Amino acid sequence: MLECATRWSNVYHGGNMWAGWECYLSAGRDILNLSLSIHEKYKAWEECAINGGFRVMHEEFCLVTDFPEILKVDEQSRSHSDVGPSHRWRDGWSLYHLHGVRVPDWLVMTPARDLDPKMLLTNEELKNVDIRREFVRKIGIERCLDVLGWKVLDKRGDYELGITMVGDNERRLLKMKNPSIGVWHIEAVHPECNTVQESLNYRAYGDKTKSWEPSILT
């Protein structure tokens, strides 16, 4: 029974909210002219994706949701709203996203000036690397470092290793810029890391002495 409980989501489907999955299958048929016998059975699944939202399908019942009354995206068509929910249904149930990342509602609804950069070191939800990135993007990298009392130990291109204090405890953080999307990240590293290279080694291998040397840092 416990094993079954861990698999409850197997009967949960995204419908039009997970349209990307259906796009692959439909494109094989419609764009690549792939003809398979399974496509006839797939048709019902495809229609559910086109005409309905999230659903839970069980042998004895089926729960189906309608389209949201609010659905907002950014310029890259990623779920996004910095002024309210990105998705809201008519019963008030909502989802919050920033640039395609699902985030807690407080991150969207709290003005940037009221967000404390020290939350980076204490808030459990900000342990998620994507949510943390959006937190930093919202309040600004410079304000983050200023409030954290940033002291630089080592620099390498767009990577910077620094120290900040949490009470009486020293924390070492790696500041880095994602070259793909031009957004800053801040990540805690092992307290014995003294250089950017050691920090990268530890992130890759869990060992600061084992050299990690990719052709391109990303």
C-alpha atoms as a PDB file:
ATOM      1  CA  MET A   1       0.000   0.000   0.000  1.00  0.00           C
ATOM      2  CA  LEU A   2       2.859   2.356   0.774  1.00  0.00           C
ATOM      3  CA  GLU A   3       4.396   1.616  -2.618  1.00  0.00           C
ATOM      4  CA  CYS A   4       1.079   2.399  -4.299  1.00  0.00           C
ATOM      5  CA  ALA A   5       0.822   5.671  -2.390  1.00  0.00           C
ATOM      6  CA  THR A   6       4.176   6.799  -3.783  1.00  0.00           C
ATOM      7  CA  ARG A   7       2.879   6.211  -7.309  1.00  0.00           C
ATOM      8  CA  TRP A   8      -0.387   8.126  -7.056  1.00  0.00           C
ATOM      9  CA  SER A   9       0.818  10.575  -9.706  1.00  0.00           C
ATOM     10  CA  ASN A  10       0.877   7.823 -12.334  1.00  0.00           C
ATOM     11  CA  VAL A  11      -2.819   8.561 -12.913  1.00  0.00           C
ATOM     12  CA  TYR A  12      -2.209  12.320 -13.119  1.00  0.00           C
ATOM     13  CA  HIS A  13      -1.899  13.865 -16.589  1.00  0.00           C
ATOM     14  CA  GLY A  14      -1.292  17.426 -17.687  1.00  0.00           C
ATOM     15  CA  GLY A  15      -3.667  17.711 -20.624  1.00  0.00           C
ATOM     16  CA  ASN A  16      -3.171  20.974 -22.487  1.00  0.00           C
ATOM     17  CA  MET A  17      -0.811  22.083 -19.694  1.00  0.00           C
ATOM     18  CA  TRP A  18       1.688  19.430 -20.835  1.00  0.00           C
ATOM     19  CA  ALA A  19       1.170  19.992 -24.554  1.00  0.00           C
ATOM     20  CA  GLY A  20       4.884  19.568 -25.256  1.00  0.00           C
ATOM     21  CA  TRP A  21       4.626  15.811 -24.787  1.00  0.00           C
ATOM     22  CA  GLU A  22       1.792  15.502 -27.299  1.00  0.00           C
ATOM     23  CA  CYS A  23       3.616  17.740 -29.772  1.00  0.00           C
ATOM     24  CA  TYR A  24       6.343  15.133 -30.250  1.00  0.00           C
ATOM     25  CA  LEU A  25       3.845  12.386 -31.034  1.00  0.00           C
ATOM     26  CA  SER A  26       1.634  14.531 -33.237  1.00  0.00           C
ATOM     27  CA  ALA A  27       4.614  15.922 -35.147  1.00  0.00           C
ATOM     28  CA  GLY A  28       5.798  12.404 -35.948  1.00  0.00           C
ATOM     29  CA  ARG A  29       2.450  11.746 -37.595  1.00  0.00           C
ATOM     30  CA  ASP A  30       1.664  15.160 -39.121  1.00  0.00           C
ATOM     31  CA  ILE A  31       5.127  16.497 -40.021  1.00  0.00           C
ATOM     32  CA  LEU A  32       7.260  13.388 -40.533  1.00  0.00           C
ATOM     33  CA  ASN A  33       4.378  11.342 -41.984  1.00  0.00           C
ATOM     34  CA  LEU A  34       5.048   8.525 -39.544  1.00  0.00           C
ATOM     35  CA  SER A  35       2.154   6.080 -39.719  1.00  0.00           C
ATOM     36  CA  LEU A  36       1.774   3.662 -36.815  1.00  0.00           C
ATOM     37  CA  SER A  37      -1.166   1.565 -35.725  1.00  0.00           C
ATOM     38  CA  ILE A  38      -0.858   3.057 -32.233  1.00  0.00           C
ATOM     39  CA  HIS A  39      -1.802   6.486 -33.614  1.00  0.00           C
ATOM     40  CA  GLU A  40      -5.438   5.411 -33.723  1.00  0.00           C
ATOM     41  CA  LYS A  41      -5.386   4.746 -29.968  1.00  0.00           C
ATOM     42  CA  TYR A  42      -3.370   7.923 -29.402  1.00  0.00           C
ATOM     43  CA  LYS A  43      -6.109  10.032 -31.016  1.00  0.00           C
ATOM     44  CA  ALA A  44      -8.281   9.977 -27.890  1.00  0.00           C
ATOM     45  CA  TRP A  45      -5.333  11.054 -25.726  1.00  0.00           C
ATOM     46  CA  GLU A  46      -4.542  13.863 -28.185  1.00  0.00           C
ATOM     47  CA  GLU A  47      -8.133  15.125 -28.116  1.00  0.00           C
ATOM     48  CA  CYS A  48      -8.003  15.268 -24.308  1.00  0.00           C
ATOM     49  CA  ALA A  49      -4.834  17.349 -24.542  1.00  0.00           C
ATOM     50  CA  ILE A  50      -6.430  19.727 -27.033  1.00  0.00           C
ATOM     51  CA  ASN A  51      -9.739  20.172 -25.231  1.00  0.00           C
ATOM     52  CA  GLY A  52      -8.991  19.832 -21.537  1.00  0.00           C
ATOM     53  CA  GLY A  53      -6.538  20.640 -18.781  1.00  0.00           C
ATOM     54  CA  PHE A  54      -5.134  18.625 -15.887  1.00  0.00           C
ATOM     55  CA  ARG A  55      -6.864  15.295 -15.270  1.00  0.00           C
ATOM     56  CA  VAL A  56      -6.720  12.295 -12.957  1.00  0.00           C
ATOM     57  CA  MET A  57      -7.704   9.037 -14.661  1.00  0.00           C
ATOM     58  CA  HIS A  58      -8.674   6.029 -12.557  1.00  0.00           C
ATOM     59  CA  GLU A  59     -10.449   2.778 -13.352  1.00  0.00           C
ATOM     60  CA  GLU A  60     -13.474   3.947 -11.364  1.00  0.00           C
ATOM     61  CA  PHE A  61     -13.498   7.719 -11.937  1.00  0.00           C
ATOM     62  CA  CYS A  62     -11.953  10.563 -13.929  1.00  0.00           C
ATOM     63  CA  LEU A  63     -11.353  14.132 -12.734  1.00  0.00           C
ATOM     64  CA  VAL A  64     -11.021  16.720 -15.492  1.00  0.00           C
ATOM     65  CA  THR A  65     -10.262  20.439 -15.334  1.00  0.00           C
ATOM     66  CA  ASP A  66     -11.207  23.182 -17.754  1.00  0.00           C
ATOM     67  CA  PHE A  67      -8.834  25.726 -19.246  1.00  0.00           C
ATOM     68  CA  PRO A  68      -7.594  28.446 -16.840  1.00  0.00           C
ATOM     69  CA  GLU A  69      -9.286  31.831 -17.041  1.00  0.00           C
ATOM     70  CA  ILE A  70      -5.841  33.483 -16.806  1.00  0.00           C
ATOM     71  CA  LEU A  71      -2.764  32.199 -18.621  1.00  0.00           C
ATOM     72  CA  LYS A  72       0.224  34.523 -18.973  1.00  0.00           C
ATOM     73  CA  VAL A  73       3.585  33.976 -20.663  1.00  0.00           C
ATOM     74  CA  ASP A  74       6.775  35.938 -21.321  1.00  0.00           C
ATOM     75  CA  GLU A  75       8.287  36.857 -24.697  1.00  0.00           C
ATOM     76  CA  GLN A  76       9.592  33.291 -25.065  1.00  0.00           C
ATOM     77  CA  SER A  77       6.142  31.796 -24.390  1.00  0.00           C
ATOM     78  CA  ARG A  78       7.213  30.499 -20.974  1.00  0.00           C
ATOM     79  CA  SER A  79       4.693  30.625 -18.125  1.00  0.00           C
ATOM     80  CA  HIS A  80       5.316  33.986 -16.468  1.00  0.00           C
ATOM     81  CA  SER A  81       3.755  36.847 -14.543  1.00  0.00           C
ATOM     82  CA  ASP A  82       5.520  39.194 -12.147  1.00  0.00           C
ATOM     83  CA  VAL A  83       2.313  40.866 -10.957  1.00  0.00           C
ATOM     84  CA  GLY A  84       0.112  37.885 -10.057  1.00  0.00           C
ATOM     85  CA  PRO A  85      -0.587  34.259 -10.927  1.00  0.00           C
ATOM     86  CA  SER A  86       0.519  33.003 -14.322  1.00  0.00           C
ATOM     87  CA  HIS A  87      -2.404  30.551 -14.239  1.00  0.00           C
ATOM     88  CA  ARG A  88      -5.698  30.986 -12.453  1.00  0.00           C
ATOM     89  CA  TRP A  89      -8.817  28.880 -12.639  1.00  0.00           C
ATOM     90  CA  ARG A  90     -12.344  30.134 -11.988  1.00  0.00           C
ATOM     91  CA  ASP A  91     -12.435  28.623  -8.494  1.00  0.00           C
ATOM     92  CA  GLY A  92      -9.404  30.760  -7.583  1.00  0.00           C
ATOM     93  CA  TRP A  93      -6.780  27.983  -7.624  1.00  0.00           C
ATOM     94  CA  SER A  94      -3.585  29.454  -9.052  1.00  0.00           C
ATOM     95  CA  LEU A  95      -0.042  28.732 -10.142  1.00  0.00           C
ATOM     96  CA  TYR A  96       2.830  31.212 -10.064  1.00  0.00           C
ATOM     97  CA  HIS A  97       5.727  31.221 -12.527  1.00  0.00           C
ATOM     98  CA  LEU A  98       8.662  33.466 -13.356  1.00  0.00           C
ATOM     99  CA  HIS A  99      10.214  32.880 -16.777  1.00  0.00           C
ATOM    100  CA  GLY A 100       8.973  29.291 -16.910  1.00  0.00           C
ATOM    101  CA  VAL A 101       9.979  28.417 -13.335  1.00  0.00           C
ATOM    102  CA  ARG A 102       7.211  27.498 -10.916  1.00  0.00           C
ATOM    103  CA  VAL A 103       7.778  29.604  -7.810  1.00  0.00           C
ATOM    104  CA  PRO A 104       6.014  30.176  -4.458  1.00  0.00           C
ATOM    105  CA  ASP A 105       3.376  32.903  -4.565  1.00  0.00           C
ATOM    106  CA  TRP A 106       5.318  35.127  -2.133  1.00  0.00           C
ATOM    107  CA  LEU A 107       8.157  35.500  -4.618  1.00  0.00           C
ATOM    108  CA  VAL A 108       5.812  37.016  -7.192  1.00  0.00           C
ATOM    109  CA  MET A 109       3.559  39.003  -4.870  1.00  0.00           C
ATOM    110  CA  THR A 110       6.222  40.539  -2.593  1.00  0.00           C
ATOM    111  CA  PRO A 111       7.776  43.735  -3.992  1.00  0.00           C
ATOM    112  CA  ALA A 112      11.503  43.386  -4.696  1.00  0.00           C
ATOM    113  CA  ARG A 113      12.313  46.094  -2.133  1.00  0.00           C
ATOM    114  CA  ASP A 114      10.680  44.003   0.612  1.00  0.00           C
ATOM    115  CA  LEU A 115      12.590  40.789  -0.149  1.00  0.00           C
ATOM    116  CA  ASP A 116      15.562  40.212   2.140  1.00  0.00           C
ATOM    117  CA  PRO A 117      18.651  38.859   0.307  1.00  0.00           C
ATOM    118  CA  LYS A 118      19.593  36.963   3.475  1.00  0.00           C
ATOM    119  CA  MET A 119      16.724  34.611   2.659  1.00  0.00           C
ATOM    120  CA  LEU A 120      19.138  33.017   0.184  1.00  0.00           C
ATOM    121  CA  LEU A 121      20.922  31.470   3.150  1.00  0.00           C
ATOM    122  CA  THR A 122      17.934  30.520   5.293  1.00  0.00           C
ATOM    123  CA  ASN A 123      14.820  29.893   3.192  1.00  0.00           C
ATOM    124  CA  GLU A 124      14.164  26.223   2.386  1.00  0.00           C
ATOM    125  CA  GLU A 125      12.316  26.983  -0.862  1.00  0.00           C
ATOM    126  CA  LEU A 126      15.354  28.870  -2.168  1.00  0.00           C
ATOM    127  CA  LYS A 127      17.451  25.711  -2.022  1.00  0.00           C
ATOM    128  CA  ASN A 128      15.955  24.933  -5.419  1.00  0.00           C
ATOM    129  CA  VAL A 129      18.487  26.295  -7.921  1.00  0.00           C
ATOM    130  CA  ASP A 130      15.871  27.597 -10.388  1.00  0.00           C
ATOM    131  CA  ILE A 131      13.773  29.360  -7.749  1.00  0.00           C
ATOM    132  CA  ARG A 132      16.947  30.830  -6.252  1.00  0.00           C
ATOM    133  CA  ARG A 133      17.965  32.144  -9.655  1.00  0.00           C
ATOM    134  CA  GLU A 134      14.611  33.926 -10.077  1.00  0.00           C
ATOM    135  CA  PHE A 135      14.915  35.367  -6.564  1.00  0.00           C
ATOM    136  CA  VAL A 136      18.321  36.833  -7.459  1.00  0.00           C
ATOM    137  CA  ARG A 137      17.025  38.078 -10.809  1.00  0.00           C
ATOM    138  CA  LYS A 138      14.134  39.880  -9.114  1.00  0.00           C
ATOM    139  CA  ILE A 139      16.070  41.739  -6.426  1.00  0.00           C
ATOM    140  CA  GLY A 140      19.318  42.188  -8.389  1.00  0.00           C
ATOM    141  CA  ILE A 141      22.735  40.637  -7.949  1.00  0.00           C
ATOM    142  CA  GLU A 142      24.377  43.817  -6.630  1.00  0.00           C
ATOM    143  CA  ARG A 143      21.805  44.307  -3.861  1.00  0.00           C
ATOM    144  CA  CYS A 144      22.172  40.635  -2.914  1.00  0.00           C
ATOM    145  CA  LEU A 145      25.926  40.908  -2.520  1.00  0.00           C
ATOM    146  CA  ASP A 146      25.772  44.251  -0.734  1.00  0.00           C
ATOM    147  CA  VAL A 147      23.325  43.013   1.915  1.00  0.00           C
ATOM    148  CA  LEU A 148      25.213  39.730   2.326  1.00  0.00           C
ATOM    149  CA  GLY A 149      28.433  41.619   3.048  1.00  0.00           C
ATOM    150  CA  TRP A 150      30.247  40.011   0.147  1.00  0.00           C
ATOM    151  CA  LYS A 151      34.041  39.693   0.354  1.00  0.00           C
ATOM    152  CA  VAL A 152      35.764  38.354  -2.740  1.00  0.00           C
ATOM    153  CA  LEU A 153      38.246  35.493  -2.379  1.00  0.00           C
ATOM    154  CA  ASP A 154      38.852  34.637  -6.032  1.00  0.00           C
ATOM    155  CA  LYS A 155      37.656  35.575  -9.526  1.00  0.00           C
ATOM    156  CA  ARG A 156      37.648  33.802 -12.869  1.00  0.00           C
ATOM    157  CA  GLY A 157      35.741  35.404 -15.722  1.00  0.00           C
ATOM    158  CA  ASP A 158      32.077  35.607 -14.738  1.00  0.00           C
ATOM    159  CA  TYR A 159      32.738  33.342 -11.720  1.00  0.00           C
ATOM    160  CA  GLU A 160      33.475  34.798  -8.311  1.00  0.00           C
ATOM    161  CA  LEU A 161      34.035  33.057  -4.969  1.00  0.00           C
ATOM    162  CA  GLY A 162      33.195  35.110  -1.911  1.00  0.00           C
ATOM    163  CA  ILE A 163      32.545  34.990   1.821  1.00  0.00           C
ATOM    164  CA  THR A 164      29.521  36.199   3.746  1.00  0.00           C
ATOM    165  CA  MET A 165      28.549  35.827   7.400  1.00  0.00           C
ATOM    166  CA  VAL A 166      25.366  34.286   8.799  1.00  0.00           C
ATOM    167  CA  GLY A 167      25.447  35.246  12.454  1.00  0.00           C
ATOM    168  CA  ASP A 168      28.813  33.971  13.628  1.00  0.00           C
ATOM    169  CA  ASN A 169      29.076  31.433  10.816  1.00  0.00           C
ATOM    170  CA  GLU A 170      31.067  32.035   7.660  1.00  0.00           C
ATOM    171  CA  ARG A 171      29.500  30.918   4.372  1.00  0.00           C
ATOM    172  CA  ARG A 172      31.318  30.611   1.061  1.00  0.00           C
ATOM    173  CA  LEU A 173      29.268  31.329  -2.030  1.00  0.00           C
ATOM    174  CA  LEU A 174      29.955  31.028  -5.728  1.00  0.00           C
ATOM    175  CA  LYS A 175      28.590  33.817  -7.893  1.00  0.00           C
ATOM    176  CA  MET A 176      28.269  32.824 -11.542  1.00  0.00           C
ATOM    177  CA  LYS A 177      26.605  34.023 -14.703  1.00  0.00           C
ATOM    178  CA  ASN A 178      24.740  31.628 -16.957  1.00  0.00           C
ATOM    179  CA  PRO A 179      26.022  32.542 -20.447  1.00  0.00           C
ATOM    180  CA  SER A 180      22.991  30.937 -22.101  1.00  0.00           C
ATOM    181  CA  ILE A 181      20.390  33.243 -20.541  1.00  0.00           C
ATOM    182  CA  GLY A 182      22.569  35.983 -19.015  1.00  0.00           C
ATOM    183  CA  VAL A 183      21.214  35.499 -15.483  1.00  0.00           C
ATOM    184  CA  TRP A 184      23.238  35.465 -12.256  1.00  0.00           C
ATOM    185  CA  HIS A 185      23.261  32.542  -9.813  1.00  0.00           C
ATOM    186  CA  ILE A 186      24.510  32.344  -6.234  1.00  0.00           C
ATOM    187  CA  GLU A 187      25.314  28.934  -4.794  1.00  0.00           C
ATOM    188  CA  ALA A 188      26.782  27.772  -1.488  1.00  0.00           C
ATOM    189  CA  VAL A 189      30.029  25.793  -1.800  1.00  0.00           C
ATOM    190  CA  HIS A 190      32.150  23.708   0.560  1.00  0.00           C
ATOM    191  CA  PRO A 191      33.736  25.824   3.349  1.00  0.00           C
ATOM    192  CA  GLU A 192      37.217  24.540   2.442  1.00  0.00           C
ATOM    193  CA  CYS A 193      37.054  25.855  -1.142  1.00  0.00           C
ATOM    194  CA  ASN A 194      39.440  28.795  -1.561  1.00  0.00           C
ATOM    195  CA  THR A 195      39.335  29.357  -5.328  1.00  0.00           C
ATOM    196  CA  VAL A 196      36.784  29.344  -8.115  1.00  0.00           C
ATOM    197  CA  GLN A 197      38.443  26.227  -9.542  1.00  0.00           C
ATOM    198  CA  GLU A 198      38.183  24.344  -6.259  1.00  0.00           C
ATOM    199  CA  SER A 199      34.524  25.341  -6.045  1.00  0.00           C
ATOM    200  CA  LEU A 200      33.857  24.063  -9.559  1.00  0.00           C
ATOM    201  CA  ASN A 201      35.724  20.849  -8.779  1.00  0.00           C
ATOM    202  CA  TYR A 202      33.581  20.277  -5.709  1.00  0.00           C
ATOM    203  CA  ARG A 203      30.352  20.992  -7.583  1.00  0.00           C
ATOM    204  CA  ALA A 204      31.289  18.485 -10.294  1.00  0.00           C
ATOM    205  CA  TYR A 205      32.892  15.704  -8.268  1.00  0.00           C
ATOM    206  CA  GLY A 206      32.359  16.387  -4.555  1.00  0.00           C
ATOM    207  CA  ASP A 207      36.135  16.687  -4.288  1.00  0.00           C
ATOM    208  CA  LYS A 208      37.897  20.049  -4.519  1.00  0.00           C
ATOM    209  CA  THR A 209      41.212  18.415  -5.522  1.00  0.00           C
ATOM    210  CA  LYS A 210      39.832  16.549  -8.548  1.00  0.00           C
ATOM    211  CA  SER A 211      40.203  18.959 -11.463  1.00  0.00           C
ATOM    212  CA  TRP A 212      37.157  19.788 -13.561  1.00  0.00           C
ATOM    213  CA  GLU A 213      38.220  21.462 -16.808  1.00  0.00           C
ATOM    214  CA  PRO A 214      35.432  21.684 -19.407  1.00  0.00           C
ATOM    215  CA  SER A 215      36.178  23.296 -22.744  1.00  0.00           C
ATOM    216  CA  ILE A 216      33.540  25.941 -22.033  1.00  0.00           C
ATOM    217  CA  LEU A 217      32.127  27.032 -18.666  1.00  0.00           C
ATOM    218  CA  THR A 218      28.314  27.135 -18.825  1.00  0.00           C
END
